[in-house]
């Protein structure tokens, strides 16, 4: 087997246990051990960069690179080296429909986020699980947007089915908006180029469906024991769940630590 030179980690429910309200101590211990062994550490999240920062990941983890907004942005250290925003024409169509149906949308840029309508119960439900401040209300006027969140139930899915985006429902009241070319797999390939590492020398960890491309791209794709069934199907290895030291167990198995 190719010697592992890079380890890539999703955040929510992979490193960050929302039941416990923090990063799993054994995972952090294992990541620091891998770093000490010369392995590059990459954070790969559907979260925007400012939300990765807000949850404390940039302080807790000795990272070399960050894949943010599901691959729309790549940071080497603190420098943004790649960015691919959502199509503005399609975004204008989406926002017209959402405003017409009074559906709350959060639009995420490189510097922060904004919403089209006042905060509502759907947003409260999601922010209960993923705490964040309420963004300002600003009209969409062709701003450069990297990703977004639709605060709506599945009964409104027909409003978005013809649009050229990749929609990922992560909550009964929440849908991520991604560019079809922006996924963690493509971003991982680009990150390997920036860091001069062969993709076969990467081990990647995830738990949700937006981690599928990343696990398929990596030399070793590891699904957490608590992962969605779709991810379990494509993983090279299924480790223990987050609450049972899954990260540490897998890094030891593959002799990264």
Protein backbone atom coordinates (compact mmCIF):
# COMPACT_ATOMS: atom_id res chain seq x y z
CA UNK A 1 0.00 0.00 0.00
CA UNK A 2 1.14 3.55 -0.78
CA UNK A 3 2.46 5.36 2.30
CA UNK A 4 -0.12 7.89 3.54
CA UNK A 5 1.15 11.46 3.21
CA UNK A 6 -2.13 13.39 3.59
CA UNK A 7 -5.15 12.92 5.86
CA UNK A 8 -8.42 14.69 5.02
CA UNK A 9 -11.28 15.18 7.46
CA UNK A 10 -14.88 16.30 7.24
CA UNK A 11 -15.99 18.24 10.34
CA UNK A 12 -19.59 17.66 11.39
CA UNK A 13 -20.21 14.16 12.77
CA UNK A 14 -16.71 13.11 11.65
CA UNK A 15 -14.53 15.24 13.93
CA UNK A 16 -17.16 17.31 15.71
CA UNK A 17 -19.65 15.36 17.81
CA UNK A 18 -22.78 17.50 18.14
CA UNK A 19 -24.13 15.28 20.89
CA UNK A 20 -21.08 16.10 22.99
CA UNK A 21 -20.75 19.66 21.67
CA UNK A 22 -17.11 19.48 20.63
CA UNK A 23 -14.28 17.83 18.74
CA UNK A 24 -13.64 14.23 19.73
CA UNK A 25 -10.54 14.19 21.97
CA UNK A 26 -9.23 10.93 20.49
CA UNK A 27 -9.54 12.34 16.95
CA UNK A 28 -7.57 15.46 17.85
CA UNK A 29 -4.95 13.34 19.57
CA UNK A 30 -4.63 11.17 16.47
CA UNK A 31 -4.44 14.17 14.11
CA UNK A 32 -1.62 15.74 16.11
CA UNK A 33 0.21 12.40 16.05
CA UNK A 34 -0.21 12.18 12.27
CA UNK A 35 1.05 15.74 11.87
CA UNK A 36 4.10 14.88 13.97
CA UNK A 37 4.75 11.98 11.59
CA UNK A 38 4.91 14.41 8.66
CA UNK A 39 1.41 13.85 7.31
CA UNK A 40 -0.35 16.86 5.76
CA UNK A 41 -3.68 17.63 7.45
CA UNK A 42 -6.64 18.91 5.42
CA UNK A 43 -10.05 20.04 6.64
CA UNK A 44 -12.82 19.41 4.07
CA UNK A 45 -16.27 20.74 4.91
CA UNK A 46 -19.54 21.80 3.38
CA UNK A 47 -19.29 24.74 5.76
CA UNK A 48 -18.14 28.14 4.53
CA UNK A 49 -14.68 29.20 5.69
CA UNK A 50 -16.02 31.66 8.26
CA UNK A 51 -18.23 28.93 9.75
CA UNK A 52 -15.30 26.50 9.88
CA UNK A 53 -13.46 29.21 11.76
CA UNK A 54 -16.43 29.92 14.04
CA UNK A 55 -16.79 26.32 15.18
CA UNK A 56 -13.18 26.44 16.31
CA UNK A 57 -11.68 24.03 13.76
CA UNK A 58 -8.87 26.36 12.69
CA UNK A 59 -7.69 26.69 16.27
CA UNK A 60 -8.20 23.05 17.28
CA UNK A 61 -6.65 21.35 14.24
CA UNK A 62 -3.06 21.72 12.95
CA UNK A 63 -4.17 22.07 9.34
CA UNK A 64 -2.15 22.61 6.18
CA UNK A 65 -5.13 23.25 3.89
CA UNK A 66 -8.88 23.85 4.09
CA UNK A 67 -11.50 22.81 1.54
CA UNK A 68 -14.50 25.04 2.29
CA UNK A 69 -18.05 25.40 0.95
CA UNK A 70 -18.03 21.83 -0.34
CA UNK A 71 -15.11 22.53 -2.65
CA UNK A 72 -15.99 26.05 -3.84
CA UNK A 73 -12.92 27.42 -2.00
CA UNK A 74 -9.50 26.03 -1.19
CA UNK A 75 -7.13 27.61 1.31
CA UNK A 76 -3.48 26.73 1.71
CA UNK A 77 -2.78 27.95 5.18
CA UNK A 78 -4.87 31.11 5.40
CA UNK A 79 -4.52 32.06 1.72
CA UNK A 80 -7.38 31.37 -0.72
CA UNK A 81 -5.82 29.71 -3.77
CA UNK A 82 -8.98 28.56 -5.57
CA UNK A 83 -12.57 29.79 -5.83
CA UNK A 84 -15.52 28.82 -8.06
CA UNK A 85 -18.79 30.74 -7.42
CA UNK A 86 -22.34 29.78 -8.33
CA UNK A 87 -23.68 30.80 -11.75
CA UNK A 88 -25.19 34.29 -11.40
CA UNK A 89 -27.93 33.87 -14.01
CA UNK A 90 -29.19 30.66 -12.39
CA UNK A 91 -28.91 32.28 -8.96
CA UNK A 92 -31.08 35.18 -10.13
CA UNK A 93 -33.76 32.69 -11.24
CA UNK A 94 -33.55 30.83 -7.95
CA UNK A 95 -33.86 33.99 -5.87
CA UNK A 96 -36.86 35.23 -7.85
CA UNK A 97 -38.67 31.98 -7.06
CA UNK A 98 -37.65 31.95 -3.41
CA UNK A 99 -38.75 35.55 -2.90
CA UNK A 100 -42.04 34.88 -4.69
CA UNK A 101 -42.77 31.94 -2.37
CA UNK A 102 -41.39 33.67 0.73
CA UNK A 103 -38.72 31.03 1.27
CA UNK A 104 -35.76 32.05 3.39
CA UNK A 105 -32.34 31.70 1.75
CA UNK A 106 -28.88 32.20 3.19
CA UNK A 107 -26.26 33.10 0.59
CA UNK A 108 -22.63 32.50 1.47
CA UNK A 109 -19.76 34.55 0.08
CA UNK A 110 -16.02 34.47 0.69
CA UNK A 111 -16.41 37.06 3.46
CA UNK A 112 -19.59 35.96 5.21
CA UNK A 113 -23.27 35.46 4.46
CA UNK A 114 -26.59 37.27 4.11
CA UNK A 115 -30.28 36.34 3.98
CA UNK A 116 -33.20 37.52 1.87
CA UNK A 117 -35.91 37.44 4.58
CA UNK A 118 -36.11 37.66 8.37
CA UNK A 119 -34.99 34.65 10.37
CA UNK A 120 -37.77 32.08 10.80
CA UNK A 121 -38.51 28.82 12.60
CA UNK A 122 -36.84 26.70 9.90
CA UNK A 123 -33.60 28.62 10.41
CA UNK A 124 -33.98 28.29 14.17
CA UNK A 125 -34.27 24.52 13.85
CA UNK A 126 -31.09 24.26 11.79
CA UNK A 127 -29.07 26.74 13.80
CA UNK A 128 -29.99 24.79 16.91
CA UNK A 129 -27.82 21.99 15.52
CA UNK A 130 -25.29 24.25 13.75
CA UNK A 131 -25.01 27.42 15.86
CA UNK A 132 -24.28 30.65 14.01
CA UNK A 133 -25.18 34.31 14.25
CA UNK A 134 -28.11 35.65 12.23
CA UNK A 135 -26.74 37.15 8.97
CA UNK A 136 -27.92 40.58 7.77
CA UNK A 137 -30.88 40.90 5.40
CA UNK A 138 -29.57 42.02 1.99
CA UNK A 139 -31.24 41.77 -1.42
CA UNK A 140 -29.55 39.54 -3.98
CA UNK A 141 -28.09 41.74 -6.74
CA UNK A 142 -25.68 39.46 -8.59
CA UNK A 143 -23.23 39.21 -5.72
CA UNK A 144 -20.54 36.54 -6.01
CA UNK A 145 -22.00 33.60 -4.06
CA UNK A 146 -20.13 30.38 -3.32
CA UNK A 147 -22.89 28.28 -1.76
CA UNK A 148 -26.25 28.77 -0.10
CA UNK A 149 -28.88 27.23 2.13
CA UNK A 150 -32.60 26.99 1.38
CA UNK A 151 -34.70 26.85 4.55
CA UNK A 152 -37.59 24.83 3.22
CA UNK A 153 -39.29 21.45 3.50
CA UNK A 154 -39.39 18.78 0.80
CA UNK A 155 -42.84 19.97 -0.24
CA UNK A 156 -41.10 22.85 -2.06
CA UNK A 157 -38.49 20.74 -3.84
CA UNK A 158 -40.37 21.11 -7.12
CA UNK A 159 -39.30 24.76 -7.21
CA UNK A 160 -35.64 23.85 -7.69
CA UNK A 161 -35.62 20.62 -9.70
CA UNK A 162 -34.91 22.29 -13.07
CA UNK A 163 -32.05 24.48 -11.84
CA UNK A 164 -28.41 23.63 -12.73
CA UNK A 165 -27.19 23.21 -9.16
CA UNK A 166 -26.45 20.26 -6.93
CA UNK A 167 -28.95 20.39 -4.06
CA UNK A 168 -28.12 18.43 -0.90
CA UNK A 169 -30.78 18.06 1.77
CA UNK A 170 -29.02 17.87 5.12
CA UNK A 171 -32.06 18.57 7.34
CA UNK A 172 -35.82 18.30 6.98
CA UNK A 173 -35.87 22.11 6.73
CA UNK A 174 -32.46 22.67 5.09
CA UNK A 175 -31.02 22.24 1.58
CA UNK A 176 -27.46 23.13 0.57
CA UNK A 177 -26.89 24.79 -2.83
CA UNK A 178 -23.69 23.69 -4.58
CA UNK A 179 -22.22 24.13 -8.04
CA UNK A 180 -22.29 20.74 -9.79
CA UNK A 181 -18.51 20.92 -10.33
CA UNK A 182 -17.85 21.95 -6.74
CA UNK A 183 -17.50 18.85 -4.66
CA UNK A 184 -14.92 17.61 -2.22
CA UNK A 185 -13.52 15.09 -4.70
CA UNK A 186 -12.50 17.71 -7.27
CA UNK A 187 -11.26 19.99 -4.52
CA UNK A 188 -9.14 17.21 -3.06
CA UNK A 189 -7.50 16.63 -6.44
CA UNK A 190 -6.69 20.35 -6.69
CA UNK A 191 -5.40 20.42 -3.11
CA UNK A 192 -3.07 17.53 -3.89
CA UNK A 193 -1.70 19.52 -6.83
CA UNK A 194 -1.11 22.56 -4.64
CA UNK A 195 0.68 20.47 -2.00
CA UNK A 196 2.49 18.21 -4.51
CA UNK A 197 1.05 14.98 -3.12
CA UNK A 198 -0.20 11.97 -5.08
CA UNK A 199 -3.94 11.41 -4.52
CA UNK A 200 -3.17 7.73 -3.86
CA UNK A 201 -1.23 8.82 -0.77
CA UNK A 202 -4.36 10.40 0.76
CA UNK A 203 -6.72 8.98 3.36
CA UNK A 204 -10.09 10.76 3.64
CA UNK A 205 -12.77 10.54 6.34
CA UNK A 206 -16.46 11.47 6.08
CA UNK A 207 -19.99 10.64 7.19
CA UNK A 208 -22.47 12.20 4.75
CA UNK A 209 -23.44 12.01 1.07
CA UNK A 210 -21.44 15.13 0.18
CA UNK A 211 -18.33 13.12 1.13
CA UNK A 212 -18.90 10.45 -1.53
CA UNK A 213 -16.74 12.02 -4.25
CA UNK A 214 -13.96 12.70 -1.74
CA UNK A 215 -13.84 9.11 -0.52
CA UNK A 216 -13.87 7.83 -4.10
CA UNK A 217 -11.04 10.19 -5.10
CA UNK A 218 -8.75 9.43 -2.17
CA UNK A 219 -6.35 6.51 -2.12
CA UNK A 220 -8.17 5.30 0.98
CA UNK A 221 -11.76 6.39 1.66
CA UNK A 222 -12.95 5.85 5.23
CA UNK A 223 -16.58 6.14 6.29
CA UNK A 224 -17.42 6.73 9.92
CA UNK A 225 -19.50 4.01 11.54
CA UNK A 226 -22.25 6.61 11.94
CA UNK A 227 -22.17 7.51 8.22
CA UNK A 228 -25.12 7.59 5.84
CA UNK A 229 -25.78 4.27 4.01
CA UNK A 230 -24.80 5.78 0.63
CA UNK A 231 -21.32 6.57 1.97
CA UNK A 232 -20.89 3.16 3.57
CA UNK A 233 -21.43 1.61 0.14
CA UNK A 234 -18.46 3.40 -1.49
CA UNK A 235 -15.97 3.37 1.40
CA UNK A 236 -12.77 1.32 1.30
CA UNK A 237 -13.08 0.91 5.06
CA UNK A 238 -15.80 1.53 7.65
CA UNK A 239 -14.33 2.59 10.98
CA UNK A 240 -15.95 2.90 14.38
CA UNK A 241 -18.57 5.65 14.93
CA UNK A 242 -17.46 9.11 16.02
CA UNK A 243 -18.26 8.42 19.68
CA UNK A 244 -16.14 5.22 19.60
CA UNK A 245 -12.83 6.78 18.49
CA UNK A 246 -13.27 5.99 14.80
CA UNK A 247 -10.63 8.42 13.51
CA UNK A 248 -7.92 7.11 15.82
CA UNK A 249 -8.81 3.49 15.08
CA UNK A 250 -8.54 3.94 11.30
CA UNK A 251 -5.32 5.97 11.40
CA UNK A 252 -3.74 3.20 13.45
CA UNK A 253 -5.06 0.53 11.10
CA UNK A 254 -3.46 2.24 8.09
CA UNK A 255 -0.24 2.89 10.05
CA UNK A 256 -0.53 6.67 9.83
CA UNK A 257 0.11 6.85 13.57
